[in-house]
Amino acid sequence: QRELVAGITSGGTTNYADSVKGRFTISRDNAKNTVYLQMNS
């Protein structure tokens, strides 16, 4: 099934699936209308 990996609210609060905590980082750039997911390890 499709699962949530990471989320970021309009205010910048983030949450992560346990399986990716410490490895993935979600961020957003409101000036560029873009959201990113940095995936390491």
PDB file of all heavy atoms in Angstrom:
ATOM      1  N   GLN A   1       0.829  -1.202   0.000  1.00  0.00           N
ATOM      2  CA  GLN A   1       0.000   0.000   0.000  1.00  0.00           C
ATOM      3  C   GLN A   1       0.864   1.252   0.000  1.00  0.00           C
ATOM      4  O   GLN A   1       2.014   1.233   0.455  1.00  0.00           O
ATOM      5  CB  GLN A   1      -0.898  -0.005   1.243  1.00  0.00           C
ATOM      6  CG  GLN A   1      -2.011  -1.043   1.192  1.00  0.00           C
ATOM      7  CD  GLN A   1      -3.013  -0.859   2.317  1.00  0.00           C
ATOM      8  OE1 GLN A   1      -2.678  -0.339   3.385  1.00  0.00           O
ATOM      9  NE2 GLN A   1      -4.244  -1.277   2.093  1.00  0.00           N
ATOM     10  N   ARG A   2       0.290   2.319  -0.491  1.00  0.00           N
ATOM     11  CA  ARG A   2       0.976   3.610  -0.443  1.00  0.00           C
ATOM     12  C   ARG A   2       1.092   4.045   1.017  1.00  0.00           C
ATOM     13  O   ARG A   2       0.132   3.931   1.785  1.00  0.00           O
ATOM     14  CB  ARG A   2       0.205   4.654  -1.249  1.00  0.00           C
ATOM     15  CG  ARG A   2       0.945   5.939  -1.474  1.00  0.00           C
ATOM     16  CD  ARG A   2       0.194   6.848  -2.439  1.00  0.00           C
ATOM     17  NE  ARG A   2       0.052   6.270  -3.765  1.00  0.00           N
ATOM     18  CZ  ARG A   2      -0.396   6.949  -4.814  1.00  0.00           C
ATOM     19  NH1 ARG A   2      -0.744   8.234  -4.686  1.00  0.00           N
ATOM     20  NH2 ARG A   2      -0.513   6.355  -5.984  1.00  0.00           N
ATOM     21  N   GLU A   3       2.267   4.555   1.384  1.00  0.00           N
ATOM     22  CA  GLU A   3       2.493   4.963   2.765  1.00  0.00           C
ATOM     23  C   GLU A   3       3.115   6.351   2.816  1.00  0.00           C
ATOM     24  O   GLU A   3       3.846   6.760   1.909  1.00  0.00           O
ATOM     25  CB  GLU A   3       3.434   3.969   3.466  1.00  0.00           C
ATOM     26  CG  GLU A   3       4.818   3.873   2.871  1.00  0.00           C
ATOM     27  CD  GLU A   3       5.755   2.968   3.665  1.00  0.00           C
ATOM     28  OE1 GLU A   3       5.360   2.452   4.718  1.00  0.00           O
ATOM     29  OE2 GLU A   3       6.912   2.803   3.221  1.00  0.00           O
ATOM     30  N   LEU A   4       2.824   7.037   3.912  1.00  0.00           N
ATOM     31  CA  LEU A   4       3.413   8.352   4.128  1.00  0.00           C
ATOM     32  C   LEU A   4       4.876   8.195   4.498  1.00  0.00           C
ATOM     33  O   LEU A   4       5.227   7.425   5.392  1.00  0.00           O
ATOM     34  CB  LEU A   4       2.673   9.091   5.241  1.00  0.00           C
ATOM     35  CG  LEU A   4       3.260  10.441   5.651  1.00  0.00           C
ATOM     36  CD1 LEU A   4       3.136  11.460   4.526  1.00  0.00           C
ATOM     37  CD2 LEU A   4       2.586  10.950   6.930  1.00  0.00           C
ATOM     38  N   VAL A   5       5.723   8.946   3.840  1.00  0.00           N
ATOM     39  CA  VAL A   5       7.153   8.965   4.149  1.00  0.00           C
ATOM     40  C   VAL A   5       7.482  10.164   5.032  1.00  0.00           C
ATOM     41  O   VAL A   5       8.130  10.032   6.072  1.00  0.00           O
ATOM     42  CB  VAL A   5       7.987   9.022   2.858  1.00  0.00           C
ATOM     43  CG1 VAL A   5       9.472   9.160   3.178  1.00  0.00           C
ATOM     44  CG2 VAL A   5       7.727   7.789   2.000  1.00  0.00           C
ATOM     45  N   ALA A   6       7.032  11.339   4.593  1.00  0.00           N
ATOM     46  CA  ALA A   6       7.329  12.573   5.325  1.00  0.00           C
ATOM     47  C   ALA A   6       6.307  13.629   4.965  1.00  0.00           C
ATOM     48  O   ALA A   6       5.797  13.651   3.844  1.00  0.00           O
ATOM     49  CB  ALA A   6       8.730  13.081   5.004  1.00  0.00           C
ATOM     50  N   GLY A   7       6.009  14.498   5.914  1.00  0.00           N
ATOM     51  CA  GLY A   7       5.078  15.583   5.678  1.00  0.00           C
ATOM     52  C   GLY A   7       5.590  16.877   6.268  1.00  0.00           C
ATOM     53  O   GLY A   7       6.394  16.871   7.211  1.00  0.00           O
ATOM     54  N   ILE A   8       5.118  17.984   5.707  1.00  0.00           N
ATOM     55  CA  ILE A   8       5.474  19.298   6.226  1.00  0.00           C
ATOM     56  C   ILE A   8       4.245  20.190   6.128  1.00  0.00           C
ATOM     57  O   ILE A   8       3.590  20.279   5.089  1.00  0.00           O
ATOM     58  CB  ILE A   8       6.689  19.895   5.484  1.00  0.00           C
ATOM     59  CG1 ILE A   8       7.128  21.216   6.118  1.00  0.00           C
ATOM     60  CG2 ILE A   8       6.431  20.043   3.989  1.00  0.00           C
ATOM     61  CD1 ILE A   8       8.518  21.667   5.652  1.00  0.00           C
ATOM     62  N   THR A   9       3.909  20.825   7.236  1.00  0.00           N
ATOM     63  CA  THR A   9       2.733  21.680   7.266  1.00  0.00           C
ATOM     64  C   THR A   9       3.029  23.041   6.634  1.00  0.00           C
ATOM     65  O   THR A   9       4.184  23.365   6.326  1.00  0.00           O
ATOM     66  CB  THR A   9       2.242  21.892   8.697  1.00  0.00           C
ATOM     67  OG1 THR A   9       3.230  22.680   9.402  1.00  0.00           O
ATOM     68  CG2 THR A   9       2.033  20.570   9.408  1.00  0.00           C
ATOM     69  N   SER A  10       1.994  23.834   6.503  1.00  0.00           N
ATOM     70  CA  SER A  10       2.185  25.189   5.974  1.00  0.00           C
ATOM     71  C   SER A  10       3.083  26.001   6.902  1.00  0.00           C
ATOM     72  O   SER A  10       3.789  26.909   6.454  1.00  0.00           O
ATOM     73  CB  SER A  10       0.839  25.888   5.804  1.00  0.00           C
ATOM     74  OG  SER A  10       0.145  25.932   7.037  1.00  0.00           O
ATOM     75  N   GLY A  11       3.097  25.661   8.160  1.00  0.00           N
ATOM     76  CA  GLY A  11       3.933  26.377   9.117  1.00  0.00           C
ATOM     77  C   GLY A  11       5.332  25.818   9.271  1.00  0.00           C
ATOM     78  O   GLY A  11       6.138  26.359  10.030  1.00  0.00           O
ATOM     79  N   GLY A  12       5.601  24.724   8.546  1.00  0.00           N
ATOM     80  CA  GLY A  12       6.960  24.166   8.574  1.00  0.00           C
ATOM     81  C   GLY A  12       7.173  23.011   9.538  1.00  0.00           C
ATOM     82  O   GLY A  12       8.292  22.504   9.655  1.00  0.00           O
ATOM     83  N   THR A  13       6.135  22.581  10.220  1.00  0.00           N
ATOM     84  CA  THR A  13       6.272  21.421  11.104  1.00  0.00           C
ATOM     85  C   THR A  13       6.389  20.153  10.270  1.00  0.00           C
ATOM     86  O   THR A  13       5.630  19.956   9.327  1.00  0.00           O
ATOM     87  CB  THR A  13       5.065  21.309  12.043  1.00  0.00           C
ATOM     88  OG1 THR A  13       4.975  22.507  12.823  1.00  0.00           O
ATOM     89  CG2 THR A  13       5.205  20.110  12.966  1.00  0.00           C
ATOM     90  N   THR A  14       7.335  19.312  10.636  1.00  0.00           N
ATOM     91  CA  THR A  14       7.587  18.099   9.859  1.00  0.00           C
ATOM     92  C   THR A  14       7.258  16.843  10.662  1.00  0.00           C
ATOM     93  O   THR A  14       7.250  16.850  11.898  1.00  0.00           O
ATOM     94  CB  THR A  14       9.051  18.030   9.424  1.00  0.00           C
ATOM     95  OG1 THR A  14       9.895  18.051  10.587  1.00  0.00           O
ATOM     96  CG2 THR A  14       9.414  19.209   8.529  1.00  0.00           C
ATOM     97  N   ASN A  15       6.969  15.785   9.937  1.00  0.00           N
ATOM     98  CA  ASN A  15       6.803  14.467  10.549  1.00  0.00           C
ATOM     99  C   ASN A  15       7.311  13.428   9.567  1.00  0.00           C
ATOM    100  O   ASN A  15       7.315  13.647   8.350  1.00  0.00           O
ATOM    101  CB  ASN A  15       5.348  14.204  10.945  1.00  0.00           C
ATOM    102  CG  ASN A  15       4.417  14.123   9.753  1.00  0.00           C
ATOM    103  OD1 ASN A  15       4.137  15.129   9.129  1.00  0.00           O
ATOM    104  ND2 ASN A  15       3.960  12.920   9.438  1.00  0.00           N
ATOM    105  N   TYR A  16       7.754  12.295  10.137  1.00  0.00           N
ATOM    106  CA  TYR A  16       8.396  11.262   9.328  1.00  0.00           C
ATOM    107  C   TYR A  16       7.909   9.877   9.738  1.00  0.00           C
ATOM    108  O   TYR A  16       7.592   9.630  10.908  1.00  0.00           O
ATOM    109  CB  TYR A  16       9.920  11.306   9.519  1.00  0.00           C
ATOM    110  CG  TYR A  16      10.549  12.587   9.061  1.00  0.00           C
ATOM    111  CD1 TYR A  16      10.743  13.642   9.952  1.00  0.00           C
ATOM    112  CD2 TYR A  16      10.963  12.751   7.741  1.00  0.00           C
ATOM    113  CE1 TYR A  16      11.318  14.833   9.529  1.00  0.00           C
ATOM    114  CE2 TYR A  16      11.542  13.925   7.313  1.00  0.00           C
ATOM    115  CZ  TYR A  16      11.709  14.965   8.217  1.00  0.00           C
ATOM    116  OH  TYR A  16      12.280  16.144   7.794  1.00  0.00           O
ATOM    117  N   ALA A  17       7.920   8.979   8.774  1.00  0.00           N
ATOM    118  CA  ALA A  17       7.715   7.579   9.089  1.00  0.00           C
ATOM    119  C   ALA A  17       8.909   7.095   9.900  1.00  0.00           C
ATOM    120  O   ALA A  17      10.049   7.552   9.693  1.00  0.00           O
ATOM    121  CB  ALA A  17       7.592   6.762   7.811  1.00  0.00           C
ATOM    122  N   ASP A  18       8.666   6.184  10.825  1.00  0.00           N
ATOM    123  CA  ASP A  18       9.758   5.682  11.667  1.00  0.00           C
ATOM    124  C   ASP A  18      10.895   5.094  10.832  1.00  0.00           C
ATOM    125  O   ASP A  18      12.060   5.206  11.202  1.00  0.00           O
ATOM    126  CB  ASP A  18       9.218   4.619  12.623  1.00  0.00           C
ATOM    127  CG  ASP A  18       8.381   5.204  13.747  1.00  0.00           C
ATOM    128  OD1 ASP A  18       8.449   6.432  13.976  1.00  0.00           O
ATOM    129  OD2 ASP A  18       7.637   4.439  14.389  1.00  0.00           O
ATOM    130  N   SER A  19      10.542   4.501   9.709  1.00  0.00           N
ATOM    131  CA  SER A  19      11.540   3.806   8.892  1.00  0.00           C
ATOM    132  C   SER A  19      12.537   4.762   8.231  1.00  0.00           C
ATOM    133  O   SER A  19      13.593   4.316   7.770  1.00  0.00           O
ATOM    134  CB  SER A  19      10.848   2.970   7.817  1.00  0.00           C
ATOM    135  OG  SER A  19      10.042   3.794   6.984  1.00  0.00           O
ATOM    136  N   VAL A  20      12.218   6.052   8.180  1.00  0.00           N
ATOM    137  CA  VAL A  20      13.110   6.999   7.496  1.00  0.00           C
ATOM    138  C   VAL A  20      13.657   8.073   8.432  1.00  0.00           C
ATOM    139  O   VAL A  20      14.474   8.906   8.009  1.00  0.00           O
ATOM    140  CB  VAL A  20      12.416   7.669   6.287  1.00  0.00           C
ATOM    141  CG1 VAL A  20      11.833   6.620   5.354  1.00  0.00           C
ATOM    142  CG2 VAL A  20      11.350   8.663   6.729  1.00  0.00           C
ATOM    143  N   LYS A  21      13.234   8.072   9.680  1.00  0.00           N
ATOM    144  CA  LYS A  21      13.714   9.091  10.622  1.00  0.00           C
ATOM    145  C   LYS A  21      15.221   9.046  10.721  1.00  0.00           C
ATOM    146  O   LYS A  21      15.822   7.979  10.853  1.00  0.00           O
ATOM    147  CB  LYS A  21      13.083   8.870  12.006  1.00  0.00           C
ATOM    148  CG  LYS A  21      11.668   9.386  12.124  1.00  0.00           C
ATOM    149  CD  LYS A  21      11.113   9.140  13.522  1.00  0.00           C
ATOM    150  CE  LYS A  21       9.680   9.620  13.622  1.00  0.00           C
ATOM    151  NZ  LYS A  21       9.074   9.307  14.943  1.00  0.00           N
ATOM    152  N   GLY A  22      15.825  10.222  10.665  1.00  0.00           N
ATOM    153  CA  GLY A  22      17.274  10.319  10.754  1.00  0.00           C
ATOM    154  C   GLY A  22      17.984  10.152   9.433  1.00  0.00           C
ATOM    155  O   GLY A  22      19.190  10.406   9.335  1.00  0.00           O
ATOM    156  N   ARG A  23      17.240   9.729   8.399  1.00  0.00           N
ATOM    157  CA  ARG A  23      17.862   9.530   7.078  1.00  0.00           C
ATOM    158  C   ARG A  23      17.283  10.477   6.029  1.00  0.00           C
ATOM    159  O   ARG A  23      17.992  10.915   5.132  1.00  0.00           O
ATOM    160  CB  ARG A  23      17.651   8.088   6.605  1.00  0.00           C
ATOM    161  CG  ARG A  23      18.249   7.046   7.518  1.00  0.00           C
ATOM    162  CD  ARG A  23      18.195   5.651   6.886  1.00  0.00           C
ATOM    163  NE  ARG A  23      16.821   5.198   6.646  1.00  0.00           N
ATOM    164  CZ  ARG A  23      16.368   4.831   5.455  1.00  0.00           C
ATOM    165  NH1 ARG A  23      17.146   4.883   4.382  1.00  0.00           N
ATOM    166  NH2 ARG A  23      15.114   4.403   5.318  1.00  0.00           N
ATOM    167  N   PHE A  24      15.986  10.771   6.144  1.00  0.00           N
ATOM    168  CA  PHE A  24      15.308  11.620   5.166  1.00  0.00           C
ATOM    169  C   PHE A  24      14.969  12.968   5.796  1.00  0.00           C
ATOM    170  O   PHE A  24      14.675  13.053   6.988  1.00  0.00           O
ATOM    171  CB  PHE A  24      14.005  10.974   4.700  1.00  0.00           C
ATOM    172  CG  PHE A  24      14.166   9.746   3.843  1.00  0.00           C
ATOM    173  CD1 PHE A  24      15.378   9.103   3.684  1.00  0.00           C
ATOM    174  CD2 PHE A  24      13.062   9.216   3.190  1.00  0.00           C
ATOM    175  CE1 PHE A  24      15.507   7.976   2.901  1.00  0.00           C
ATOM    176  CE2 PHE A  24      13.164   8.081   2.403  1.00  0.00           C
ATOM    177  CZ  PHE A  24      14.395   7.462   2.263  1.00  0.00           C
ATOM    178  N   THR A  25      14.988  14.006   4.963  1.00  0.00           N
ATOM    179  CA  THR A  25      14.601  15.341   5.412  1.00  0.00           C
ATOM    180  C   THR A  25      13.685  15.979   4.384  1.00  0.00           C
ATOM    181  O   THR A  25      14.033  16.058   3.199  1.00  0.00           O
ATOM    182  CB  THR A  25      15.834  16.231   5.611  1.00  0.00           C
ATOM    183  OG1 THR A  25      16.724  15.624   6.553  1.00  0.00           O
ATOM    184  CG2 THR A  25      15.415  17.605   6.137  1.00  0.00           C
ATOM    185  N   ILE A  26      12.528  16.423   4.851  1.00  0.00           N
ATOM    186  CA  ILE A  26      11.597  17.140   3.979  1.00  0.00           C
ATOM    187  C   ILE A  26      11.745  18.635   4.235  1.00  0.00           C
ATOM    188  O   ILE A  26      11.954  19.056   5.380  1.00  0.00           O
ATOM    189  CB  ILE A  26      10.144  16.676   4.208  1.00  0.00           C
ATOM    190  CG1 ILE A  26       9.203  17.281   3.153  1.00  0.00           C
ATOM    191  CG2 ILE A  26       9.664  16.990   5.627  1.00  0.00           C
ATOM    192  CD1 ILE A  26       7.789  16.684   3.189  1.00  0.00           C
ATOM    193  N   SER A  27      11.653  19.416   3.176  1.00  0.00           N
ATOM    194  CA  SER A  27      11.723  20.864   3.310  1.00  0.00           C
ATOM    195  C   SER A  27      10.886  21.504   2.208  1.00  0.00           C
ATOM    196  O   SER A  27      10.516  20.838   1.243  1.00  0.00           O
ATOM    197  CB  SER A  27      13.174  21.355   3.233  1.00  0.00           C
ATOM    198  OG  SER A  27      13.743  21.024   1.972  1.00  0.00           O
ATOM    199  N   ARG A  28      10.589  22.761   2.381  1.00  0.00           N
ATOM    200  CA  ARG A  28       9.813  23.481   1.378  1.00  0.00           C
ATOM    201  C   ARG A  28      10.406  24.860   1.163  1.00  0.00           C
ATOM    202  O   ARG A  28      10.936  25.481   2.095  1.00  0.00           O
ATOM    203  CB  ARG A  28       8.345  23.577   1.791  1.00  0.00           C
ATOM    204  CG  ARG A  28       8.058  24.399   3.019  1.00  0.00           C
ATOM    205  CD  ARG A  28       6.593  24.233   3.478  1.00  0.00           C
ATOM    206  NE  ARG A  28       5.652  24.696   2.470  1.00  0.00           N
ATOM    207  CZ  ARG A  28       4.371  24.306   2.426  1.00  0.00           C
ATOM    208  NH1 ARG A  28       3.899  23.448   3.329  1.00  0.00           N
ATOM    209  NH2 ARG A  28       3.573  24.793   1.489  1.00  0.00           N
ATOM    210  N   ASP A  29      10.280  25.342  -0.064  1.00  0.00           N
ATOM    211  CA  ASP A  29      10.714  26.686  -0.419  1.00  0.00           C
ATOM    212  C   ASP A  29       9.486  27.382  -0.984  1.00  0.00           C
ATOM    213  O   ASP A  29       9.120  27.166  -2.149  1.00  0.00           O
ATOM    214  CB  ASP A  29      11.846  26.625  -1.441  1.00  0.00           C
ATOM    215  CG  ASP A  29      12.435  27.985  -1.759  1.00  0.00           C
ATOM    216  OD1 ASP A  29      11.729  29.002  -1.582  1.00  0.00           O
ATOM    217  OD2 ASP A  29      13.594  28.034  -2.195  1.00  0.00           O
ATOM    218  N   ASN A  30       8.848  28.205  -0.172  1.00  0.00           N
ATOM    219  CA  ASN A  30       7.612  28.846  -0.608  1.00  0.00           C
ATOM    220  C   ASN A  30       7.845  29.866  -1.720  1.00  0.00           C
ATOM    221  O   ASN A  30       6.934  30.167  -2.491  1.00  0.00           O
ATOM    222  CB  ASN A  30       6.913  29.517   0.577  1.00  0.00           C
ATOM    223  CG  ASN A  30       6.302  28.513   1.530  1.00  0.00           C
ATOM    224  OD1 ASN A  30       6.118  27.326   1.195  1.00  0.00           O
ATOM    225  ND2 ASN A  30       5.997  28.946   2.734  1.00  0.00           N
ATOM    226  N   ALA A  31       9.053  30.389  -1.815  1.00  0.00           N
ATOM    227  CA  ALA A  31       9.367  31.331  -2.900  1.00  0.00           C
ATOM    228  C   ALA A  31       9.448  30.619  -4.242  1.00  0.00           C
ATOM    229  O   ALA A  31       9.208  31.237  -5.290  1.00  0.00           O
ATOM    230  CB  ALA A  31      10.677  32.048  -2.600  1.00  0.00           C
ATOM    231  N   LYS A  32       9.795  29.333  -4.211  1.00  0.00           N
ATOM    232  CA  LYS A  32       9.932  28.571  -5.449  1.00  0.00           C
ATOM    233  C   LYS A  32       8.785  27.602  -5.672  1.00  0.00           C
ATOM    234  O   LYS A  32       8.795  26.831  -6.635  1.00  0.00           O
ATOM    235  CB  LYS A  32      11.253  27.796  -5.442  1.00  0.00           C
ATOM    236  CG  LYS A  32      12.483  28.678  -5.442  1.00  0.00           C
ATOM    237  CD  LYS A  32      13.753  27.843  -5.506  1.00  0.00           C
ATOM    238  CE  LYS A  32      14.975  28.741  -5.573  1.00  0.00           C
ATOM    239  NZ  LYS A  32      16.237  27.938  -5.641  1.00  0.00           N
ATOM    240  N   ASN A  33       7.806  27.595  -4.760  1.00  0.00           N
ATOM    241  CA  ASN A  33       6.674  26.669  -4.877  1.00  0.00           C
ATOM    242  C   ASN A  33       7.151  25.218  -5.029  1.00  0.00           C
ATOM    243  O   ASN A  33       6.648  24.471  -5.883  1.00  0.00           O
ATOM    244  CB  ASN A  33       5.758  27.033  -6.050  1.00  0.00           C
ATOM    245  CG  ASN A  33       4.877  28.229  -5.756  1.00  0.00           C
ATOM    246  OD1 ASN A  33       5.042  28.899  -4.735  1.00  0.00           O
ATOM    247  ND2 ASN A  33       3.955  28.520  -6.641  1.00  0.00           N
ATOM    248  N   THR A  34       8.101  24.845  -4.204  1.00  0.00           N
ATOM    249  CA  THR A  34       8.723  23.528  -4.343  1.00  0.00           C
ATOM    250  C   THR A  34       8.909  22.889  -2.973  1.00  0.00           C
ATOM    251  O   THR A  34       9.231  23.573  -2.002  1.00  0.00           O
ATOM    252  CB  THR A  34      10.086  23.642  -5.058  1.00  0.00           C
ATOM    253  OG1 THR A  34       9.893  24.247  -6.340  1.00  0.00           O
ATOM    254  CG2 THR A  34      10.708  22.268  -5.248  1.00  0.00           C
ATOM    255  N   VAL A  35       8.693  21.591  -2.936  1.00  0.00           N
ATOM    256  CA  VAL A  35       8.989  20.813  -1.744  1.00  0.00           C
ATOM    257  C   VAL A  35      10.041  19.768  -2.116  1.00  0.00           C
ATOM    258  O   VAL A  35      10.059  19.260  -3.239  1.00  0.00           O
ATOM    259  CB  VAL A  35       7.717  20.157  -1.158  1.00  0.00           C
ATOM    260  CG1 VAL A  35       7.110  19.162  -2.134  1.00  0.00           C
ATOM    261  CG2 VAL A  35       7.984  19.512   0.178  1.00  0.00           C
ATOM    262  N   TYR A  36      10.917  19.488  -1.178  1.00  0.00           N
ATOM    263  CA  TYR A  36      12.045  18.589  -1.413  1.00  0.00           C
ATOM    264  C   TYR A  36      12.017  17.419  -0.436  1.00  0.00           C
ATOM    265  O   TYR A  36      11.483  17.520   0.668  1.00  0.00           O
ATOM    266  CB  TYR A  36      13.368  19.335  -1.241  1.00  0.00           C
ATOM    267  CG  TYR A  36      13.509  20.560  -2.105  1.00  0.00           C
ATOM    268  CD1 TYR A  36      13.223  21.822  -1.586  1.00  0.00           C
ATOM    269  CD2 TYR A  36      13.930  20.463  -3.426  1.00  0.00           C
ATOM    270  CE1 TYR A  36      13.354  22.957  -2.372  1.00  0.00           C
ATOM    271  CE2 TYR A  36      14.057  21.590  -4.218  1.00  0.00           C
ATOM    272  CZ  TYR A  36      13.762  22.841  -3.684  1.00  0.00           C
ATOM    273  OH  TYR A  36      13.891  23.963  -4.465  1.00  0.00           O
ATOM    274  N   LEU A  37      12.635  16.344  -0.857  1.00  0.00           N
ATOM    275  CA  LEU A  37      12.891  15.225   0.043  1.00  0.00           C
ATOM    276  C   LEU A  37      14.341  14.803  -0.152  1.00  0.00           C
ATOM    277  O   LEU A  37      14.687  14.241  -1.193  1.00  0.00           O
ATOM    278  CB  LEU A  37      11.949  14.051  -0.227  1.00  0.00           C
ATOM    279  CG  LEU A  37      12.086  12.887   0.751  1.00  0.00           C
ATOM    280  CD1 LEU A  37      11.594  13.297   2.147  1.00  0.00           C
ATOM    281  CD2 LEU A  37      11.312  11.655   0.274  1.00  0.00           C
ATOM    282  N   GLN A  38      15.159  15.126   0.826  1.00  0.00           N
ATOM    283  CA  GLN A  38      16.562  14.691   0.818  1.00  0.00           C
ATOM    284  C   GLN A  38      16.625  13.308   1.440  1.00  0.00           C
ATOM    285  O   GLN A  38      16.212  13.126   2.593  1.00  0.00           O
ATOM    286  CB  GLN A  38      17.430  15.669   1.601  1.00  0.00           C
ATOM    287  CG  GLN A  38      18.887  15.268   1.676  1.00  0.00           C
ATOM    288  CD  GLN A  38      19.585  15.300   0.324  1.00  0.00           C
ATOM    289  OE1 GLN A  38      19.404  16.241  -0.443  1.00  0.00           O
ATOM    290  NE2 GLN A  38      20.377  14.280   0.029  1.00  0.00           N
ATOM    291  N   MET A  39      17.129  12.360   0.692  1.00  0.00           N
ATOM    292  CA  MET A  39      17.188  10.974   1.153  1.00  0.00           C
ATOM    293  C   MET A  39      18.643  10.532   1.230  1.00  0.00           C
ATOM    294  O   MET A  39      19.337  10.503   0.204  1.00  0.00           O
ATOM    295  CB  MET A  39      16.410  10.062   0.189  1.00  0.00           C
ATOM    296  CG  MET A  39      14.968  10.516  -0.044  1.00  0.00           C
ATOM    297  SD  MET A  39      14.017   9.333  -1.015  1.00  0.00           S
ATOM    298  CE  MET A  39      14.866   9.454  -2.592  1.00  0.00           C
ATOM    299  N   ASN A  40      19.088  10.219   2.433  1.00  0.00           N
ATOM    300  CA  ASN A  40      20.459   9.768   2.662  1.00  0.00           C
ATOM    301  C   ASN A  40      20.447   8.335   3.188  1.00  0.00           C
ATOM    302  O   ASN A  40      19.420   7.837   3.656  1.00  0.00           O
ATOM    303  CB  ASN A  40      21.145  10.689   3.667  1.00  0.00           C
ATOM    304  CG  ASN A  40      21.250  12.121   3.187  1.00  0.00           C
ATOM    305  OD1 ASN A  40      21.386  12.381   1.986  1.00  0.00           O
ATOM    306  ND2 ASN A  40      21.204  13.057   4.128  1.00  0.00           N
ATOM    307  N   SER A  41      21.607   7.709   3.125  1.00  0.00           N
ATOM    308  CA  SER A  41      21.753   6.333   3.637  1.00  0.00           C
ATOM    309  C   SER A  41      20.650   5.434   3.104  1.00  0.00           C
ATOM    310  O   SER A  41      20.009   4.686   3.854  1.00  0.00           O
ATOM    311  CB  SER A  41      21.737   6.333   5.164  1.00  0.00           C
ATOM    312  OG  SER A  41      22.752   7.169   5.687  1.00  0.00           O
TER     313      SER A  41
END
